[in-house]
Amino acid sequence: MTITTNNQPRDILGFWDFSEADQSTIRSQFDWMDDIESETGFFKYKGHIYNLSDFTRGGAEGWDGSKAESWSCGVLVKISSDCEQVTCGWWSA
């Protein structure tokens, strides 16, 4: 497995921290959330908006979670010790 990251921490945001355009995207992408406007755990990586609830624990040593984008690649996350930021990486087989 190859992991690529720039080690740049990204803030973990709430719904209202995004632009109106991003809020619209969040509403359609996460329409299963009951009260989306009070949700937190969102972050933007490579132009896509993710929520920490999309990730399962583990995935690679040194990383806190992973989300497969296909059978051969996906996103990894490391959550900061204060739980305010996330560092992302891209894994590929």
PDB file of N, CA and C in Angstrom:
ATOM      1  N   MET A   1       0.851  -1.182   0.000  1.00  0.00           N
ATOM      2  CA  MET A   1       0.000   0.000   0.000  1.00  0.00           C
ATOM      3  C   MET A   1       0.890   1.237   0.000  1.00  0.00           C
ATOM      4  N   THR A   2       0.545   2.195  -0.836  1.00  0.00           N
ATOM      5  CA  THR A   2       1.247   3.474  -0.908  1.00  0.00           C
ATOM      6  C   THR A   2       0.374   4.547  -0.275  1.00  0.00           C
ATOM      7  N   ILE A   3       0.969   5.357   0.600  1.00  0.00           N
ATOM      8  CA  ILE A   3       0.244   6.448   1.258  1.00  0.00           C
ATOM      9  C   ILE A   3       0.899   7.772   0.877  1.00  0.00           C
ATOM     10  N   THR A   4       0.072   8.702   0.421  1.00  0.00           N
ATOM     11  CA  THR A   4       0.541  10.036   0.051  1.00  0.00           C
ATOM     12  C   THR A   4      -0.160  11.057   0.927  1.00  0.00           C
ATOM     13  N   THR A   5       0.611  11.950   1.541  1.00  0.00           N
ATOM     14  CA  THR A   5       0.037  13.011   2.369  1.00  0.00           C
ATOM     15  C   THR A   5       0.960  14.215   2.361  1.00  0.00           C
ATOM     16  N   ASN A   6       0.375  15.397   2.537  1.00  0.00           N
ATOM     17  CA  ASN A   6       1.193  16.597   2.702  1.00  0.00           C
ATOM     18  C   ASN A   6       1.284  16.981   4.182  1.00  0.00           C
ATOM     19  N   ASN A   7       0.689  16.157   5.053  1.00  0.00           N
ATOM     20  CA  ASN A   7       0.715  16.361   6.509  1.00  0.00           C
ATOM     21  C   ASN A   7       0.155  17.708   6.935  1.00  0.00           C
ATOM     22  N   GLN A   8      -0.750  18.257   6.150  1.00  0.00           N
ATOM     23  CA  GLN A   8      -1.363  19.544   6.481  1.00  0.00           C
ATOM     24  C   GLN A   8      -2.626  19.315   7.302  1.00  0.00           C
ATOM     25  N   PRO A   9      -2.653  19.782   8.551  1.00  0.00           N
ATOM     26  CA  PRO A   9      -3.876  19.642   9.350  1.00  0.00           C
ATOM     27  C   PRO A   9      -5.002  20.508   8.788  1.00  0.00           C
ATOM     28  N   ARG A  10      -6.197  19.961   8.798  1.00  0.00           N
ATOM     29  CA  ARG A  10      -7.399  20.690   8.358  1.00  0.00           C
ATOM     30  C   ARG A  10      -8.340  20.786   9.545  1.00  0.00           C
ATOM     31  N   ASP A  11      -8.969  21.948   9.686  1.00  0.00           N
ATOM     32  CA  ASP A  11      -9.909  22.123  10.792  1.00  0.00           C
ATOM     33  C   ASP A  11     -11.124  21.232  10.601  1.00  0.00           C
ATOM     34  N   ILE A  12     -11.600  20.670  11.699  1.00  0.00           N
ATOM     35  CA  ILE A  12     -12.866  19.937  11.702  1.00  0.00           C
ATOM     36  C   ILE A  12     -13.949  20.980  11.932  1.00  0.00           C
ATOM     37  N   LEU A  13     -14.916  21.043  11.022  1.00  0.00           N
ATOM     38  CA  LEU A  13     -15.880  22.143  10.989  1.00  0.00           C
ATOM     39  C   LEU A  13     -17.312  21.680  11.206  1.00  0.00           C
ATOM     40  N   GLY A  14     -18.127  22.645  11.578  1.00  0.00           N
ATOM     41  CA  GLY A  14     -19.562  22.441  11.643  1.00  0.00           C
ATOM     42  C   GLY A  14     -20.204  22.886  10.348  1.00  0.00           C
ATOM     43  N   PHE A  15     -21.463  22.554  10.169  1.00  0.00           N
ATOM     44  CA  PHE A  15     -22.204  22.888   8.953  1.00  0.00           C
ATOM     45  C   PHE A  15     -22.115  24.369   8.631  1.00  0.00           C
ATOM     46  N   TRP A  16     -22.300  25.240   9.624  1.00  0.00           N
ATOM     47  CA  TRP A  16     -22.364  26.687   9.392  1.00  0.00           C
ATOM     48  C   TRP A  16     -21.012  27.319   9.086  1.00  0.00           C
ATOM     49  N   ASP A  17     -19.929  26.562   9.203  1.00  0.00           N
ATOM     50  CA  ASP A  17     -18.600  27.088   8.884  1.00  0.00           C
ATOM     51  C   ASP A  17     -18.313  27.071   7.383  1.00  0.00           C
ATOM     52  N   PHE A  18     -19.195  26.474   6.592  1.00  0.00           N
ATOM     53  CA  PHE A  18     -18.999  26.349   5.147  1.00  0.00           C
ATOM     54  C   PHE A  18     -19.751  27.433   4.386  1.00  0.00           C
ATOM     55  N   SER A  19     -19.324  27.669   3.154  1.00  0.00           N
ATOM     56  CA  SER A  19     -20.015  28.611   2.272  1.00  0.00           C
ATOM     57  C   SER A  19     -21.399  28.049   1.926  1.00  0.00           C
ATOM     58  N   GLU A  20     -22.258  28.898   1.382  1.00  0.00           N
ATOM     59  CA  GLU A  20     -23.600  28.442   0.989  1.00  0.00           C
ATOM     60  C   GLU A  20     -23.523  27.327  -0.049  1.00  0.00           C
ATOM     61  N   ALA A  21     -22.594  27.434  -0.985  1.00  0.00           N
ATOM     62  CA  ALA A  21     -22.438  26.390  -2.006  1.00  0.00           C
ATOM     63  C   ALA A  21     -22.058  25.050  -1.362  1.00  0.00           C
ATOM     64  N   ASP A  22     -21.109  25.103  -0.421  1.00  0.00           N
ATOM     65  CA  ASP A  22     -20.710  23.875   0.273  1.00  0.00           C
ATOM     66  C   ASP A  22     -21.840  23.346   1.153  1.00  0.00           C
ATOM     67  N   GLN A  23     -22.605  24.243   1.763  1.00  0.00           N
ATOM     68  CA  GLN A  23     -23.748  23.806   2.577  1.00  0.00           C
ATOM     69  C   GLN A  23     -24.751  23.036   1.722  1.00  0.00           C
ATOM     70  N   SER A  24     -24.962  23.507   0.506  1.00  0.00           N
ATOM     71  CA  SER A  24     -25.863  22.819  -0.420  1.00  0.00           C
ATOM     72  C   SER A  24     -25.335  21.420  -0.737  1.00  0.00           C
ATOM     73  N   THR A  25     -24.040  21.323  -0.966  1.00  0.00           N
ATOM     74  CA  THR A  25     -23.415  20.022  -1.219  1.00  0.00           C
ATOM     75  C   THR A  25     -23.573  19.108  -0.013  1.00  0.00           C
ATOM     76  N   ILE A  26     -23.333  19.649   1.168  1.00  0.00           N
ATOM     77  CA  ILE A  26     -23.462  18.859   2.390  1.00  0.00           C
ATOM     78  C   ILE A  26     -24.893  18.359   2.555  1.00  0.00           C
ATOM     79  N   ARG A  27     -25.861  19.236   2.320  1.00  0.00           N
ATOM     80  CA  ARG A  27     -27.277  18.834   2.442  1.00  0.00           C
ATOM     81  C   ARG A  27     -27.605  17.645   1.525  1.00  0.00           C
ATOM     82  N   SER A  28     -27.096  17.675   0.291  1.00  0.00           N
ATOM     83  CA  SER A  28     -27.417  16.582  -0.633  1.00  0.00           C
ATOM     84  C   SER A  28     -26.584  15.331  -0.368  1.00  0.00           C
ATOM     85  N   GLN A  29     -25.326  15.513  -0.006  1.00  0.00           N
ATOM     86  CA  GLN A  29     -24.438  14.371   0.215  1.00  0.00           C
ATOM     87  C   GLN A  29     -24.723  13.661   1.533  1.00  0.00           C
ATOM     88  N   PHE A  30     -25.177  14.393   2.528  1.00  0.00           N
ATOM     89  CA  PHE A  30     -25.412  13.827   3.859  1.00  0.00           C
ATOM     90  C   PHE A  30     -26.888  13.930   4.239  1.00  0.00           C
ATOM     91  N   ASP A  31     -27.762  13.687   3.286  1.00  0.00           N
ATOM     92  CA  ASP A  31     -29.203  13.842   3.527  1.00  0.00           C
ATOM     93  C   ASP A  31     -29.753  12.853   4.546  1.00  0.00           C
ATOM     94  N   TRP A  32     -28.983  11.851   4.907  1.00  0.00           N
ATOM     95  CA  TRP A  32     -29.408  10.882   5.917  1.00  0.00           C
ATOM     96  C   TRP A  32     -29.270  11.417   7.348  1.00  0.00           C
ATOM     97  N   MET A  33     -28.562  12.531   7.532  1.00  0.00           N
ATOM     98  CA  MET A  33     -28.401  13.105   8.872  1.00  0.00           C
ATOM     99  C   MET A  33     -29.698  13.797   9.284  1.00  0.00           C
ATOM    100  N   ASP A  34     -30.145  13.532  10.507  1.00  0.00           N
ATOM    101  CA  ASP A  34     -31.416  14.071  10.994  1.00  0.00           C
ATOM    102  C   ASP A  34     -31.416  15.587  11.118  1.00  0.00           C
ATOM    103  N   ASP A  35     -30.408  16.134  11.778  1.00  0.00           N
ATOM    104  CA  ASP A  35     -30.357  17.576  12.021  1.00  0.00           C
ATOM    105  C   ASP A  35     -29.009  18.100  11.524  1.00  0.00           C
ATOM    106  N   ILE A  36     -28.869  18.162  10.224  1.00  0.00           N
ATOM    107  CA  ILE A  36     -27.571  18.467   9.599  1.00  0.00           C
ATOM    108  C   ILE A  36     -26.997  19.807  10.042  1.00  0.00           C
ATOM    109  N   GLU A  37     -27.854  20.773  10.324  1.00  0.00           N
ATOM    110  CA  GLU A  37     -27.366  22.102  10.689  1.00  0.00           C
ATOM    111  C   GLU A  37     -26.662  22.124  12.040  1.00  0.00           C
ATOM    112  N   SER A  38     -26.895  21.123  12.887  1.00  0.00           N
ATOM    113  CA  SER A  38     -26.164  21.079  14.146  1.00  0.00           C
ATOM    114  C   SER A  38     -25.036  20.056  14.138  1.00  0.00           C
ATOM    115  N   GLU A  39     -24.792  19.476  12.987  1.00  0.00           N
ATOM    116  CA  GLU A  39     -23.732  18.477  12.879  1.00  0.00           C
ATOM    117  C   GLU A  39     -22.351  19.124  12.805  1.00  0.00           C
ATOM    118  N   THR A  40     -21.366  18.404  13.312  1.00  0.00           N
ATOM    119  CA  THR A  40     -19.962  18.791  13.206  1.00  0.00           C
ATOM    120  C   THR A  40     -19.211  17.597  12.618  1.00  0.00           C
ATOM    121  N   GLY A  41     -17.916  17.697  12.537  1.00  0.00           N
ATOM    122  CA  GLY A  41     -17.108  16.594  12.042  1.00  0.00           C
ATOM    123  C   GLY A  41     -16.846  16.644  10.552  1.00  0.00           C
ATOM    124  N   PHE A  42     -17.160  17.774   9.917  1.00  0.00           N
ATOM    125  CA  PHE A  42     -16.925  17.915   8.478  1.00  0.00           C
ATOM    126  C   PHE A  42     -15.530  18.475   8.218  1.00  0.00           C
ATOM    127  N   PHE A  43     -14.960  18.084   7.093  1.00  0.00           N
ATOM    128  CA  PHE A  43     -13.712  18.685   6.630  1.00  0.00           C
ATOM    129  C   PHE A  43     -13.639  18.512   5.125  1.00  0.00           C
ATOM    130  N   LYS A  44     -12.812  19.323   4.497  1.00  0.00           N
ATOM    131  CA  LYS A  44     -12.663  19.304   3.049  1.00  0.00           C
ATOM    132  C   LYS A  44     -11.268  18.781   2.712  1.00  0.00           C
ATOM    133  N   TYR A  45     -11.223  17.836   1.775  1.00  0.00           N
ATOM    134  CA  TYR A  45      -9.951  17.254   1.346  1.00  0.00           C
ATOM    135  C   TYR A  45     -10.041  16.954  -0.145  1.00  0.00           C
ATOM    136  N   LYS A  46      -9.096  17.454  -0.904  1.00  0.00           N
ATOM    137  CA  LYS A  46      -9.052  17.263  -2.357  1.00  0.00           C
ATOM    138  C   LYS A  46     -10.365  17.647  -3.032  1.00  0.00           C
ATOM    139  N   GLY A  47     -10.965  18.727  -2.569  1.00  0.00           N
ATOM    140  CA  GLY A  47     -12.184  19.231  -3.182  1.00  0.00           C
ATOM    141  C   GLY A  47     -13.462  18.531  -2.763  1.00  0.00           C
ATOM    142  N   HIS A  48     -13.363  17.509  -1.936  1.00  0.00           N
ATOM    143  CA  HIS A  48     -14.536  16.776  -1.465  1.00  0.00           C
ATOM    144  C   HIS A  48     -14.781  17.069   0.012  1.00  0.00           C
ATOM    145  N   ILE A  49     -16.037  17.041   0.408  1.00  0.00           N
ATOM    146  CA  ILE A  49     -16.391  17.238   1.812  1.00  0.00           C
ATOM    147  C   ILE A  49     -16.651  15.877   2.437  1.00  0.00           C
ATOM    148  N   TYR A  50     -15.995  15.634   3.548  1.00  0.00           N
ATOM    149  CA  TYR A  50     -16.144  14.377   4.277  1.00  0.00           C
ATOM    150  C   TYR A  50     -16.675  14.675   5.680  1.00  0.00           C
ATOM    151  N   ASN A  51     -17.220  13.649   6.296  1.00  0.00           N
ATOM    152  CA  ASN A  51     -17.595  13.719   7.701  1.00  0.00           C
ATOM    153  C   ASN A  51     -16.898  12.556   8.395  1.00  0.00           C
ATOM    154  N   LEU A  52     -16.446  12.785   9.602  1.00  0.00           N
ATOM    155  CA  LEU A  52     -15.725  11.731  10.313  1.00  0.00           C
ATOM    156  C   LEU A  52     -16.558  10.459  10.470  1.00  0.00           C
ATOM    157  N   SER A  53     -17.874  10.592  10.435  1.00  0.00           N
ATOM    158  CA  SER A  53     -18.729   9.402  10.566  1.00  0.00           C
ATOM    159  C   SER A  53     -18.617   8.481   9.347  1.00  0.00           C
ATOM    160  N   ASP A  54     -18.029   8.967   8.239  1.00  0.00           N
ATOM    161  CA  ASP A  54     -17.821   8.146   7.043  1.00  0.00           C
ATOM    162  C   ASP A  54     -16.665   7.164   7.200  1.00  0.00           C
ATOM    163  N   PHE A  55     -15.834   7.352   8.217  1.00  0.00           N
ATOM    164  CA  PHE A  55     -14.597   6.598   8.360  1.00  0.00           C
ATOM    165  C   PHE A  55     -14.734   5.474   9.379  1.00  0.00           C
ATOM    166  N   THR A  56     -14.084   4.358   9.062  1.00  0.00           N
ATOM    167  CA  THR A  56     -14.006   3.261  10.021  1.00  0.00           C
ATOM    168  C   THR A  56     -12.651   3.315  10.702  1.00  0.00           C
ATOM    169  N   ARG A  57     -12.598   2.784  11.893  1.00  0.00           N
ATOM    170  CA  ARG A  57     -11.364   2.808  12.670  1.00  0.00           C
ATOM    171  C   ARG A  57     -10.279   1.982  11.993  1.00  0.00           C
ATOM    172  N   GLY A  58      -9.045   2.475  12.084  1.00  0.00           N
ATOM    173  CA  GLY A  58      -7.911   1.743  11.533  1.00  0.00           C
ATOM    174  C   GLY A  58      -7.725   1.990  10.054  1.00  0.00           C
ATOM    175  N   GLY A  59      -7.117   1.032   9.400  1.00  0.00           N
ATOM    176  CA  GLY A  59      -6.877   1.151   7.966  1.00  0.00           C
ATOM    177  C   GLY A  59      -5.412   1.044   7.621  1.00  0.00           C
ATOM    178  N   ALA A  60      -4.586   1.681   8.410  1.00  0.00           N
ATOM    179  CA  ALA A  60      -3.131   1.617   8.221  1.00  0.00           C
ATOM    180  C   ALA A  60      -2.472   2.041   9.530  1.00  0.00           C
ATOM    181  N   GLU A  61      -1.311   1.495   9.773  1.00  0.00           N
ATOM    182  CA  GLU A  61      -0.596   1.806  11.013  1.00  0.00           C
ATOM    183  C   GLU A  61      -0.302   3.298  11.104  1.00  0.00           C
ATOM    184  N   GLY A  62      -0.601   3.891  12.263  1.00  0.00           N
ATOM    185  CA  GLY A  62      -0.350   5.309  12.476  1.00  0.00           C
ATOM    186  C   GLY A  62      -1.502   6.206  12.073  1.00  0.00           C
ATOM    187  N   TRP A  63      -2.568   5.625  11.543  1.00  0.00           N
ATOM    188  CA  TRP A  63      -3.739   6.388  11.112  1.00  0.00           C
ATOM    189  C   TRP A  63      -4.932   5.971  11.960  1.00  0.00           C
ATOM    190  N   ASP A  64      -5.854   6.918  12.195  1.00  0.00           N
ATOM    191  CA  ASP A  64      -7.012   6.652  13.059  1.00  0.00           C
ATOM    192  C   ASP A  64      -8.206   6.067  12.324  1.00  0.00           C
ATOM    193  N   GLY A  65      -8.325   6.342  11.024  1.00  0.00           N
ATOM    194  CA  GLY A  65      -9.482   5.843  10.295  1.00  0.00           C
ATOM    195  C   GLY A  65      -9.248   5.824   8.802  1.00  0.00           C
ATOM    196  N   SER A  66     -10.152   5.119   8.114  1.00  0.00           N
ATOM    197  CA  SER A  66     -10.041   5.035   6.659  1.00  0.00           C
ATOM    198  C   SER A  66     -11.425   4.986   6.021  1.00  0.00           C
ATOM    199  N   LYS A  67     -11.469   5.402   4.769  1.00  0.00           N
ATOM    200  CA  LYS A  67     -12.689   5.350   3.964  1.00  0.00           C
ATOM    201  C   LYS A  67     -12.266   4.951   2.562  1.00  0.00           C
ATOM    202  N   ALA A  68     -12.754   3.807   2.108  1.00  0.00           N
ATOM    203  CA  ALA A  68     -12.427   3.342   0.763  1.00  0.00           C
ATOM    204  C   ALA A  68     -13.202   4.160  -0.257  1.00  0.00           C
ATOM    205  N   GLU A  69     -12.527   4.585  -1.315  1.00  0.00           N
ATOM    206  CA  GLU A  69     -13.171   5.272  -2.430  1.00  0.00           C
ATOM    207  C   GLU A  69     -13.404   4.291  -3.575  1.00  0.00           C
ATOM    208  N   SER A  70     -12.636   3.223  -3.598  1.00  0.00           N
ATOM    209  CA  SER A  70     -12.807   2.116  -4.539  1.00  0.00           C
ATOM    210  C   SER A  70     -12.108   0.914  -3.910  1.00  0.00           C
ATOM    211  N   TRP A  71     -12.010  -0.175  -4.637  1.00  0.00           N
ATOM    212  CA  TRP A  71     -11.345  -1.360  -4.080  1.00  0.00           C
ATOM    213  C   TRP A  71      -9.846  -1.162  -3.947  1.00  0.00           C
ATOM    214  N   SER A  72      -9.295  -0.157  -4.622  1.00  0.00           N
ATOM    215  CA  SER A  72      -7.841  -0.012  -4.635  1.00  0.00           C
ATOM    216  C   SER A  72      -7.325   1.317  -4.091  1.00  0.00           C
ATOM    217  N   CYS A  73      -8.204   2.167  -3.548  1.00  0.00           N
ATOM    218  CA  CYS A  73      -7.732   3.451  -3.027  1.00  0.00           C
ATOM    219  C   CYS A  73      -8.753   4.037  -2.049  1.00  0.00           C
ATOM    220  N   GLY A  74      -8.281   5.022  -1.281  1.00  0.00           N
ATOM    221  CA  GLY A  74      -9.173   5.670  -0.331  1.00  0.00           C
ATOM    222  C   GLY A  74      -8.468   6.745   0.466  1.00  0.00           C
ATOM    223  N   VAL A  75      -9.153   7.231   1.488  1.00  0.00           N
ATOM    224  CA  VAL A  75      -8.672   8.334   2.317  1.00  0.00           C
ATOM    225  C   VAL A  75      -8.386   7.809   3.719  1.00  0.00           C
ATOM    226  N   LEU A  76      -7.285   8.263   4.294  1.00  0.00           N
ATOM    227  CA  LEU A  76      -6.923   7.966   5.682  1.00  0.00           C
ATOM    228  C   LEU A  76      -6.986   9.253   6.485  1.00  0.00           C
ATOM    229  N   VAL A  77      -7.297   9.152   7.777  1.00  0.00           N
ATOM    230  CA  VAL A  77      -7.322  10.330   8.647  1.00  0.00           C
ATOM    231  C   VAL A  77      -6.560  10.070   9.940  1.00  0.00           C
ATOM    232  N   LYS A  78      -5.904  11.132  10.415  1.00  0.00           N
ATOM    233  CA  LYS A  78      -5.299  11.183  11.751  1.00  0.00           C
ATOM    234  C   LYS A  78      -5.967  12.349  12.460  1.00  0.00           C
ATOM    235  N   ILE A  79      -6.553  12.098  13.598  1.00  0.00           N
ATOM    236  CA  ILE A  79      -7.225  13.152  14.357  1.00  0.00           C
ATOM    237  C   ILE A  79      -6.240  13.727  15.369  1.00  0.00           C
ATOM    238  N   SER A  80      -6.180  15.051  15.465  1.00  0.00           N
ATOM    239  CA  SER A  80      -5.251  15.708  16.385  1.00  0.00           C
ATOM    240  C   SER A  80      -5.606  15.355  17.834  1.00  0.00           C
ATOM    241  N   SER A  81      -4.650  15.530  18.722  1.00  0.00           N
ATOM    242  CA  SER A  81      -4.863  15.174  20.130  1.00  0.00           C
ATOM    243  C   SER A  81      -5.971  16.005  20.779  1.00  0.00           C
ATOM    244  N   ASP A  82      -6.219  17.217  20.264  1.00  0.00           N
ATOM    245  CA  ASP A  82      -7.301  18.045  20.818  1.00  0.00           C
ATOM    246  C   ASP A  82      -8.624  17.854  20.058  1.00  0.00           C
ATOM    247  N   CYS A  83      -8.624  16.963  19.075  1.00  0.00           N
ATOM    248  CA  CYS A  83      -9.814  16.638  18.266  1.00  0.00           C
ATOM    249  C   CYS A  83     -10.377  17.843  17.514  1.00  0.00           C
ATOM    250  N   GLU A  84      -9.532  18.824  17.204  1.00  0.00           N
ATOM    251  CA  GLU A  84      -9.960  20.015  16.473  1.00  0.00           C
ATOM    252  C   GLU A  84      -9.558  19.982  15.006  1.00  0.00           C
ATOM    253  N   GLN A  85      -8.601  19.103  14.658  1.00  0.00           N
ATOM    254  CA  GLN A  85      -8.105  19.049  13.294  1.00  0.00           C
ATOM    255  C   GLN A  85      -7.896  17.610  12.854  1.00  0.00           C
ATOM    256  N   VAL A  86      -7.820  17.448  11.550  1.00  0.00           N
ATOM    257  CA  VAL A  86      -7.579  16.134  10.961  1.00  0.00           C
ATOM    258  C   VAL A  86      -6.513  16.280   9.874  1.00  0.00           C
ATOM    259  N   THR A  87      -5.623  15.310   9.818  1.00  0.00           N
ATOM    260  CA  THR A  87      -4.639  15.234   8.755  1.00  0.00           C
ATOM    261  C   THR A  87      -5.055  14.090   7.855  1.00  0.00           C
ATOM    262  N   CYS A  88      -5.044  14.324   6.552  1.00  0.00           N
ATOM    263  CA  CYS A  88      -5.530  13.329   5.598  1.00  0.00           C
ATOM    264  C   CYS A  88      -4.403  12.766   4.761  1.00  0.00           C
ATOM    265  N   GLY A  89      -4.609  11.554   4.338  1.00  0.00           N
ATOM    266  CA  GLY A  89      -3.699  10.896   3.406  1.00  0.00           C
ATOM    267  C   GLY A  89      -4.492  10.109   2.398  1.00  0.00           C
ATOM    268  N   TRP A  90      -3.888   9.807   1.279  1.00  0.00           N
ATOM    269  CA  TRP A  90      -4.517   9.030   0.214  1.00  0.00           C
ATOM    270  C   TRP A  90      -3.786   7.712   0.116  1.00  0.00           C
ATOM    271  N   TRP A  91      -4.499   6.609   0.248  1.00  0.00           N
ATOM    272  CA  TRP A  91      -3.855   5.296   0.102  1.00  0.00           C
ATOM    273  C   TRP A  91      -4.244   4.680  -1.227  1.00  0.00           C
ATOM    274  N   SER A  92      -3.325   3.927  -1.785  1.00  0.00           N
ATOM    275  CA  SER A  92      -3.608   3.178  -3.015  1.00  0.00           C
ATOM    276  C   SER A  92      -2.850   1.863  -2.972  1.00  0.00           C
ATOM    277  N   ALA A  93      -3.424   0.886  -3.632  1.00  0.00           N
ATOM    278  CA  ALA A  93      -2.819  -0.451  -3.643  1.00  0.00           C
ATOM    279  C   ALA A  93      -1.722  -0.543  -4.677  1.00  0.00           C
TER     280      ALA A  93
END
